[in-house]
Amino acid sequence: MPRVLLIEDDDSVREALALGLRRQGHQVRTAASGEEGLERARQEPPELVVLDLMLPGIDGFEVCRRLRRAGPTPVIMLTALGEDVDTVLGLEAGADDYVVKPAQSRVLDARIRAVLRRSSGLAPGPEREAHGDLVLDRAALTVTKHGVPLPLPPSELRLLLELAAAPGRVFSREQLLESVWGFGRQEDIRLVDAGVNRLRARIEDTPSAPRYVQTVRGFGYRFGPL
């Protein structure tokens, strides 16, 4: 039974989603605020967090940032229909996926299981590769730069491994969405851009002038130290 932490301040929404997810076979703990959610995550680390962005006190954006600093636990955010700015900001804060409210428990269940499958199936082989100052160990699923470990959340690690597997090759956003996130809906293309921005912030000396993950205008992204 996957251990899921659901952080949602609306009592009726929280109870309905928790009930639905339990019926789908998940072990669900709940929290009604950002502070309570962070404390529950500290006491009993979940396998995945479902996080509403609009929370009282510490909002969902800051909760996501703190969860990201604490470890690689996947985060699926709940965002209001049509709130594109909030969705982008949530992805930039480190969320792995998003579901638009009102969320149906069976849809959320499918997205949870997809994220957990991708998180558990990261290791493609025993290769250890050096790309300039950046070293990827595909067996250990570690990344170091100048010998210093760079802890990457699952979606960013998958993205880096996918790009680095073919240096110089241009990947379209649609290709990366399918291979890294596991689905190809056009409306989810923002996941790719947000993931690239977060990855650059972690591995690049100057994210605004990237050396490793480069934009090919009109096509997509490619990997290769200049």
C-alpha atoms as a PDB file:
ATOM      1  CA  MET A   1       0.000   0.000   0.000  1.00  0.00           C
ATOM      2  CA  PRO A   2       1.681   3.236  -1.127  1.00  0.00           C
ATOM      3  CA  ARG A   3       2.085   5.706   1.749  1.00  0.00           C
ATOM      4  CA  VAL A   4       0.554   9.015   0.670  1.00  0.00           C
ATOM      5  CA  LEU A   5       0.438  12.266   2.614  1.00  0.00           C
ATOM      6  CA  LEU A   6      -2.489  14.474   1.559  1.00  0.00           C
ATOM      7  CA  ILE A   7      -2.170  18.145   2.550  1.00  0.00           C
ATOM      8  CA  GLU A   8      -5.454  19.967   1.906  1.00  0.00           C
ATOM      9  CA  ASP A   9      -7.195  22.589   4.073  1.00  0.00           C
ATOM     10  CA  ASP A  10     -10.742  22.084   2.756  1.00  0.00           C
ATOM     11  CA  ASP A  11     -12.306  19.484   5.064  1.00  0.00           C
ATOM     12  CA  SER A  12     -14.786  18.092   2.546  1.00  0.00           C
ATOM     13  CA  VAL A  13     -12.209  17.841  -0.268  1.00  0.00           C
ATOM     14  CA  ARG A  14      -9.617  16.279   2.040  1.00  0.00           C
ATOM     15  CA  GLU A  15     -12.006  13.687   3.422  1.00  0.00           C
ATOM     16  CA  ALA A  16     -13.421  12.772  -0.007  1.00  0.00           C
ATOM     17  CA  LEU A  17      -9.986  12.361  -1.602  1.00  0.00           C
ATOM     18  CA  ALA A  18      -8.608  10.431   1.368  1.00  0.00           C
ATOM     19  CA  LEU A  19     -11.580   8.052   1.294  1.00  0.00           C
ATOM     20  CA  GLY A  20     -11.300   7.562  -2.458  1.00  0.00           C
ATOM     21  CA  LEU A  21      -7.537   6.925  -2.339  1.00  0.00           C
ATOM     22  CA  ARG A  22      -7.928   4.419   0.500  1.00  0.00           C
ATOM     23  CA  ARG A  23     -10.487   2.554  -1.584  1.00  0.00           C
ATOM     24  CA  GLN A  24      -7.894   2.511  -4.400  1.00  0.00           C
ATOM     25  CA  GLY A  25      -5.430   0.799  -2.060  1.00  0.00           C
ATOM     26  CA  HIS A  26      -3.355   3.685  -0.702  1.00  0.00           C
ATOM     27  CA  GLN A  27      -2.326   4.209   2.902  1.00  0.00           C
ATOM     28  CA  VAL A  28      -3.299   7.853   3.422  1.00  0.00           C
ATOM     29  CA  ARG A  29      -2.354  10.318   6.156  1.00  0.00           C
ATOM     30  CA  THR A  30      -3.832  13.800   6.034  1.00  0.00           C
ATOM     31  CA  ALA A  31      -2.953  17.304   7.143  1.00  0.00           C
ATOM     32  CA  ALA A  32      -5.025  20.482   7.080  1.00  0.00           C
ATOM     33  CA  SER A  33      -2.203  23.034   6.900  1.00  0.00           C
ATOM     34  CA  GLY A  34       1.318  23.430   5.613  1.00  0.00           C
ATOM     35  CA  GLU A  35       2.783  23.369   9.092  1.00  0.00           C
ATOM     36  CA  GLU A  36       0.936  20.168   9.997  1.00  0.00           C
ATOM     37  CA  GLY A  37       1.901  18.578   6.693  1.00  0.00           C
ATOM     38  CA  LEU A  38       5.613  19.298   7.153  1.00  0.00           C
ATOM     39  CA  GLU A  39       5.518  17.896  10.676  1.00  0.00           C
ATOM     40  CA  ARG A  40       3.757  14.712   9.532  1.00  0.00           C
ATOM     41  CA  ALA A  41       6.260  14.305   6.700  1.00  0.00           C
ATOM     42  CA  ARG A  42       9.094  14.648   9.223  1.00  0.00           C
ATOM     43  CA  GLN A  43       7.602  12.170  11.674  1.00  0.00           C
ATOM     44  CA  GLU A  44       6.696   9.497   9.126  1.00  0.00           C
ATOM     45  CA  PRO A  45       8.173  10.154   5.662  1.00  0.00           C
ATOM     46  CA  PRO A  46       5.630   9.307   2.938  1.00  0.00           C
ATOM     47  CA  GLU A  47       6.338   7.774  -0.447  1.00  0.00           C
ATOM     48  CA  LEU A  48       4.489  10.641  -2.120  1.00  0.00           C
ATOM     49  CA  VAL A  49       2.851  13.929  -1.138  1.00  0.00           C
ATOM     50  CA  VAL A  50      -0.364  15.308  -2.639  1.00  0.00           C
ATOM     51  CA  LEU A  51      -0.254  19.024  -1.931  1.00  0.00           C
ATOM     52  CA  ASP A  52      -2.840  21.775  -2.311  1.00  0.00           C
ATOM     53  CA  LEU A  53      -1.183  25.066  -3.250  1.00  0.00           C
ATOM     54  CA  MET A  54      -3.634  27.422  -1.520  1.00  0.00           C
ATOM     55  CA  LEU A  55      -3.067  26.620   2.165  1.00  0.00           C
ATOM     56  CA  PRO A  56      -3.407  28.813   5.256  1.00  0.00           C
ATOM     57  CA  GLY A  57      -0.194  29.795   7.005  1.00  0.00           C
ATOM     58  CA  ILE A  58       2.692  28.275   5.078  1.00  0.00           C
ATOM     59  CA  ASP A  59       1.344  28.010   1.532  1.00  0.00           C
ATOM     60  CA  GLY A  60       1.827  25.056  -0.788  1.00  0.00           C
ATOM     61  CA  PHE A  61       4.667  26.689  -2.709  1.00  0.00           C
ATOM     62  CA  GLU A  62       6.805  27.008   0.422  1.00  0.00           C
ATOM     63  CA  VAL A  63       5.795  23.537   1.640  1.00  0.00           C
ATOM     64  CA  CYS A  64       6.972  22.106  -1.690  1.00  0.00           C
ATOM     65  CA  ARG A  65      10.292  23.957  -1.443  1.00  0.00           C
ATOM     66  CA  ARG A  66      10.884  22.647   2.089  1.00  0.00           C
ATOM     67  CA  LEU A  67       9.982  19.098   1.104  1.00  0.00           C
ATOM     68  CA  ARG A  68      12.436  19.369  -1.792  1.00  0.00           C
ATOM     69  CA  ARG A  69      15.219  20.533   0.531  1.00  0.00           C
ATOM     70  CA  ALA A  70      14.499  17.615   2.870  1.00  0.00           C
ATOM     71  CA  GLY A  71      14.680  14.862   0.231  1.00  0.00           C
ATOM     72  CA  PRO A  72      13.517  13.454  -3.100  1.00  0.00           C
ATOM     73  CA  THR A  73       9.943  12.538  -2.112  1.00  0.00           C
ATOM     74  CA  PRO A  74       7.704  13.037  -5.192  1.00  0.00           C
ATOM     75  CA  VAL A  75       5.084  15.777  -4.963  1.00  0.00           C
ATOM     76  CA  ILE A  76       1.818  16.043  -6.904  1.00  0.00           C
ATOM     77  CA  MET A  77       0.172  19.413  -6.508  1.00  0.00           C
ATOM     78  CA  LEU A  78      -3.513  20.237  -6.623  1.00  0.00           C
ATOM     79  CA  THR A  79      -4.201  23.407  -8.581  1.00  0.00           C
ATOM     80  CA  ALA A  80      -7.394  25.287  -9.348  1.00  0.00           C
ATOM     81  CA  LEU A  81      -8.842  25.075 -12.851  1.00  0.00           C
ATOM     82  CA  GLY A  82      -7.448  27.816 -15.072  1.00  0.00           C
ATOM     83  CA  GLU A  83      -4.833  29.047 -12.595  1.00  0.00           C
ATOM     84  CA  ASP A  84      -1.950  28.715 -15.047  1.00  0.00           C
ATOM     85  CA  VAL A  85       0.347  31.047 -13.112  1.00  0.00           C
ATOM     86  CA  ASP A  86      -0.067  29.019  -9.930  1.00  0.00           C
ATOM     87  CA  THR A  87       0.569  25.817 -11.850  1.00  0.00           C
ATOM     88  CA  VAL A  88       3.820  27.125 -13.298  1.00  0.00           C
ATOM     89  CA  LEU A  89       4.964  28.486  -9.931  1.00  0.00           C
ATOM     90  CA  GLY A  90       4.171  25.159  -8.283  1.00  0.00           C
ATOM     91  CA  LEU A  91       6.203  23.277 -10.870  1.00  0.00           C
ATOM     92  CA  GLU A  92       9.071  25.727 -10.437  1.00  0.00           C
ATOM     93  CA  ALA A  93       8.897  25.110  -6.679  1.00  0.00           C
ATOM     94  CA  GLY A  94       9.635  21.443  -7.358  1.00  0.00           C
ATOM     95  CA  ALA A  95       6.387  19.551  -7.938  1.00  0.00           C
ATOM     96  CA  ASP A  96       6.690  16.401 -10.097  1.00  0.00           C
ATOM     97  CA  ASP A  97       3.165  16.539 -11.500  1.00  0.00           C
ATOM     98  CA  TYR A  98      -0.132  18.358 -11.049  1.00  0.00           C
ATOM     99  CA  VAL A  99      -3.838  17.556 -11.022  1.00  0.00           C
ATOM    100  CA  VAL A 100      -6.501  20.191 -11.654  1.00  0.00           C
ATOM    101  CA  LYS A 101      -9.259  20.545  -9.054  1.00  0.00           C
ATOM    102  CA  PRO A 102     -11.905  19.335  -8.603  1.00  0.00           C
ATOM    103  CA  ALA A 103      -9.865  16.141  -8.618  1.00  0.00           C
ATOM    104  CA  GLN A 104     -11.435  12.703  -8.932  1.00  0.00           C
ATOM    105  CA  SER A 105      -9.819  10.089  -6.722  1.00  0.00           C
ATOM    106  CA  ARG A 106      -9.397   7.573  -9.568  1.00  0.00           C
ATOM    107  CA  VAL A 107      -7.584  10.199 -11.687  1.00  0.00           C
ATOM    108  CA  LEU A 108      -5.375  11.138  -8.753  1.00  0.00           C
ATOM    109  CA  ASP A 109      -4.734   7.444  -8.086  1.00  0.00           C
ATOM    110  CA  ALA A 110      -3.540   6.940 -11.673  1.00  0.00           C
ATOM    111  CA  ARG A 111      -1.190   9.916 -11.473  1.00  0.00           C
ATOM    112  CA  ILE A 112       0.173   8.769  -8.088  1.00  0.00           C
ATOM    113  CA  ARG A 113       0.923   5.287  -9.386  1.00  0.00           C
ATOM    114  CA  ALA A 114       2.543   6.692 -12.544  1.00  0.00           C
ATOM    115  CA  VAL A 115       4.834   8.982 -10.526  1.00  0.00           C
ATOM    116  CA  LEU A 116       5.771   6.160  -8.139  1.00  0.00           C
ATOM    117  CA  ARG A 117       6.510   3.795 -11.040  1.00  0.00           C
ATOM    118  CA  ARG A 118       8.796   6.346 -12.644  1.00  0.00           C
ATOM    119  CA  SER A 119      10.503   7.091  -9.326  1.00  0.00           C
ATOM    120  CA  SER A 120      11.222   3.418  -8.661  1.00  0.00           C
ATOM    121  CA  GLY A 121      12.450   2.617 -12.170  1.00  0.00           C
ATOM    122  CA  LEU A 122      15.206   5.159 -12.623  1.00  0.00           C
ATOM    123  CA  ALA A 123      18.247   2.916 -12.990  1.00  0.00           C
ATOM    124  CA  PRO A 124      18.837   2.081 -16.676  1.00  0.00           C
ATOM    125  CA  GLY A 125      22.271   0.551 -16.407  1.00  0.00           C
ATOM    126  CA  PRO A 126      25.695   0.406 -14.726  1.00  0.00           C
ATOM    127  CA  GLU A 127      27.278   3.277 -16.691  1.00  0.00           C
ATOM    128  CA  ARG A 128      29.287   6.006 -15.026  1.00  0.00           C
ATOM    129  CA  GLU A 129      29.764   9.026 -17.270  1.00  0.00           C
ATOM    130  CA  ALA A 130      31.753  12.232 -16.993  1.00  0.00           C
ATOM    131  CA  HIS A 131      30.523  15.311 -18.826  1.00  0.00           C
ATOM    132  CA  GLY A 132      33.018  18.003 -18.031  1.00  0.00           C
ATOM    133  CA  ASP A 133      32.748  18.704 -14.309  1.00  0.00           C
ATOM    134  CA  LEU A 134      29.510  16.728 -14.083  1.00  0.00           C
ATOM    135  CA  VAL A 135      29.648  12.997 -13.276  1.00  0.00           C
ATOM    136  CA  LEU A 136      26.581  10.747 -13.585  1.00  0.00           C
ATOM    137  CA  ASP A 137      26.511   7.309 -12.008  1.00  0.00           C
ATOM    138  CA  ARG A 138      23.510   5.543 -13.514  1.00  0.00           C
ATOM    139  CA  ALA A 139      23.795   2.481 -11.282  1.00  0.00           C
ATOM    140  CA  ALA A 140      23.962   4.433  -8.028  1.00  0.00           C
ATOM    141  CA  LEU A 141      21.637   7.167  -9.371  1.00  0.00           C
ATOM    142  CA  THR A 142      23.998   9.876  -8.165  1.00  0.00           C
ATOM    143  CA  VAL A 143      25.188  13.108  -9.727  1.00  0.00           C
ATOM    144  CA  THR A 144      28.279  15.011  -8.629  1.00  0.00           C
ATOM    145  CA  LYS A 145      29.828  18.269  -9.752  1.00  0.00           C
ATOM    146  CA  HIS A 146      33.442  19.026  -8.839  1.00  0.00           C
ATOM    147  CA  GLY A 147      33.137  15.934  -6.635  1.00  0.00           C
ATOM    148  CA  VAL A 148      30.245  17.408  -4.640  1.00  0.00           C
ATOM    149  CA  PRO A 149      26.985  15.380  -4.616  1.00  0.00           C
ATOM    150  CA  LEU A 150      23.977  17.094  -6.191  1.00  0.00           C
ATOM    151  CA  PRO A 151      20.746  15.669  -4.741  1.00  0.00           C
ATOM    152  CA  LEU A 152      18.162  15.715  -7.529  1.00  0.00           C
ATOM    153  CA  PRO A 153      14.438  14.991  -7.174  1.00  0.00           C
ATOM    154  CA  PRO A 154      13.201  12.036  -9.275  1.00  0.00           C
ATOM    155  CA  SER A 155      11.765  14.008 -12.196  1.00  0.00           C
ATOM    156  CA  GLU A 156      14.909  16.130 -12.561  1.00  0.00           C
ATOM    157  CA  LEU A 157      17.155  13.087 -12.338  1.00  0.00           C
ATOM    158  CA  ARG A 158      15.120  11.303 -15.016  1.00  0.00           C
ATOM    159  CA  LEU A 159      15.314  14.387 -17.208  1.00  0.00           C
ATOM    160  CA  LEU A 160      19.096  14.659 -16.832  1.00  0.00           C
ATOM    161  CA  LEU A 161      19.637  10.952 -17.515  1.00  0.00           C
ATOM    162  CA  GLU A 162      17.439  11.104 -20.608  1.00  0.00           C
ATOM    163  CA  LEU A 163      19.214  14.128 -22.078  1.00  0.00           C
ATOM    164  CA  ALA A 164      22.712  12.919 -21.161  1.00  0.00           C
ATOM    165  CA  ALA A 165      22.117   9.521 -22.775  1.00  0.00           C
ATOM    166  CA  ALA A 166      22.470  11.191 -26.185  1.00  0.00           C
ATOM    167  CA  PRO A 167      24.707  14.279 -25.946  1.00  0.00           C
ATOM    168  CA  GLY A 168      24.114  16.665 -28.818  1.00  0.00           C
ATOM    169  CA  ARG A 169      20.761  15.165 -29.769  1.00  0.00           C
ATOM    170  CA  VAL A 170      17.854  17.601 -29.799  1.00  0.00           C
ATOM    171  CA  PHE A 171      14.825  16.357 -27.865  1.00  0.00           C
ATOM    172  CA  SER A 172      11.460  17.964 -28.475  1.00  0.00           C
ATOM    173  CA  ARG A 173       9.344  18.909 -25.476  1.00  0.00           C
ATOM    174  CA  GLU A 174       6.812  16.274 -26.531  1.00  0.00           C
ATOM    175  CA  GLN A 175       9.515  13.561 -26.570  1.00  0.00           C
ATOM    176  CA  LEU A 176      10.734  14.522 -23.110  1.00  0.00           C
ATOM    177  CA  LEU A 177       7.204  14.694 -21.730  1.00  0.00           C
ATOM    178  CA  GLU A 178       6.563  11.140 -22.914  1.00  0.00           C
ATOM    179  CA  SER A 179       9.914   9.617 -21.905  1.00  0.00           C
ATOM    180  CA  VAL A 180      10.394  11.396 -18.564  1.00  0.00           C
ATOM    181  CA  TRP A 181       6.862  11.976 -17.279  1.00  0.00           C
ATOM    182  CA  GLY A 182       5.183   9.072 -19.054  1.00  0.00           C
ATOM    183  CA  PHE A 183       2.416  10.889 -20.901  1.00  0.00           C
ATOM    184  CA  GLY A 184       2.157  13.211 -23.868  1.00  0.00           C
ATOM    185  CA  ARG A 185      -0.791  15.559 -23.398  1.00  0.00           C
ATOM    186  CA  GLN A 186      -0.083  18.912 -25.012  1.00  0.00           C
ATOM    187  CA  GLU A 187      -1.497  20.806 -22.041  1.00  0.00           C
ATOM    188  CA  ASP A 188       1.204  19.278 -19.812  1.00  0.00           C
ATOM    189  CA  ILE A 189       4.123  20.597 -21.875  1.00  0.00           C
ATOM    190  CA  ARG A 190       4.839  23.132 -19.124  1.00  0.00           C
ATOM    191  CA  LEU A 191       6.156  20.243 -17.009  1.00  0.00           C
ATOM    192  CA  VAL A 192       9.147  20.031 -19.339  1.00  0.00           C
ATOM    193  CA  ASP A 193      10.050  23.718 -19.258  1.00  0.00           C
ATOM    194  CA  ALA A 194       9.673  23.877 -15.476  1.00  0.00           C
ATOM    195  CA  GLY A 195      11.783  20.726 -15.079  1.00  0.00           C
ATOM    196  CA  VAL A 196      14.526  22.154 -17.284  1.00  0.00           C
ATOM    197  CA  ASN A 197      14.550  25.401 -15.302  1.00  0.00           C
ATOM    198  CA  ARG A 198      14.840  23.537 -11.998  1.00  0.00           C
ATOM    199  CA  LEU A 199      17.558  21.252 -13.359  1.00  0.00           C
ATOM    200  CA  ARG A 200      19.567  24.201 -14.623  1.00  0.00           C
ATOM    201  CA  ALA A 201      19.314  25.867 -11.214  1.00  0.00           C
ATOM    202  CA  ARG A 202      20.949  22.790  -9.678  1.00  0.00           C
ATOM    203  CA  ILE A 203      23.670  21.851 -12.177  1.00  0.00           C
ATOM    204  CA  GLU A 204      24.614  25.043 -13.999  1.00  0.00           C
ATOM    205  CA  ASP A 205      27.081  27.654 -12.735  1.00  0.00           C
ATOM    206  CA  THR A 206      25.004  30.320 -14.470  1.00  0.00           C
ATOM    207  CA  PRO A 207      21.471  29.032 -15.156  1.00  0.00           C
ATOM    208  CA  SER A 208      20.696  31.972 -17.439  1.00  0.00           C
ATOM    209  CA  ALA A 209      23.666  30.989 -19.634  1.00  0.00           C
ATOM    210  CA  PRO A 210      23.503  27.178 -19.432  1.00  0.00           C
ATOM    211  CA  ARG A 211      26.484  25.045 -20.316  1.00  0.00           C
ATOM    212  CA  TYR A 212      24.886  21.604 -20.012  1.00  0.00           C
ATOM    213  CA  VAL A 213      21.163  21.834 -20.832  1.00  0.00           C
ATOM    214  CA  GLN A 214      20.783  24.097 -23.830  1.00  0.00           C
ATOM    215  CA  THR A 215      17.691  25.417 -25.567  1.00  0.00           C
ATOM    216  CA  VAL A 216      17.384  24.855 -29.304  1.00  0.00           C
ATOM    217  CA  ARG A 217      14.857  27.499 -30.257  1.00  0.00           C
ATOM    218  CA  GLY A 218      11.846  26.201 -32.089  1.00  0.00           C
ATOM    219  CA  PHE A 219      12.790  22.561 -31.412  1.00  0.00           C
ATOM    220  CA  GLY A 220      13.484  21.726 -27.765  1.00  0.00           C
ATOM    221  CA  TYR A 221      16.530  20.935 -25.635  1.00  0.00           C
ATOM    222  CA  ARG A 222      19.866  19.199 -25.971  1.00  0.00           C
ATOM    223  CA  PHE A 223      22.625  18.148 -23.575  1.00  0.00           C
ATOM    224  CA  GLY A 224      26.309  18.698 -23.995  1.00  0.00           C
ATOM    225  CA  PRO A 225      28.938  20.737 -22.159  1.00  0.00           C
ATOM    226  CA  LEU A 226      30.213  23.559 -24.331  1.00  0.00           C
END
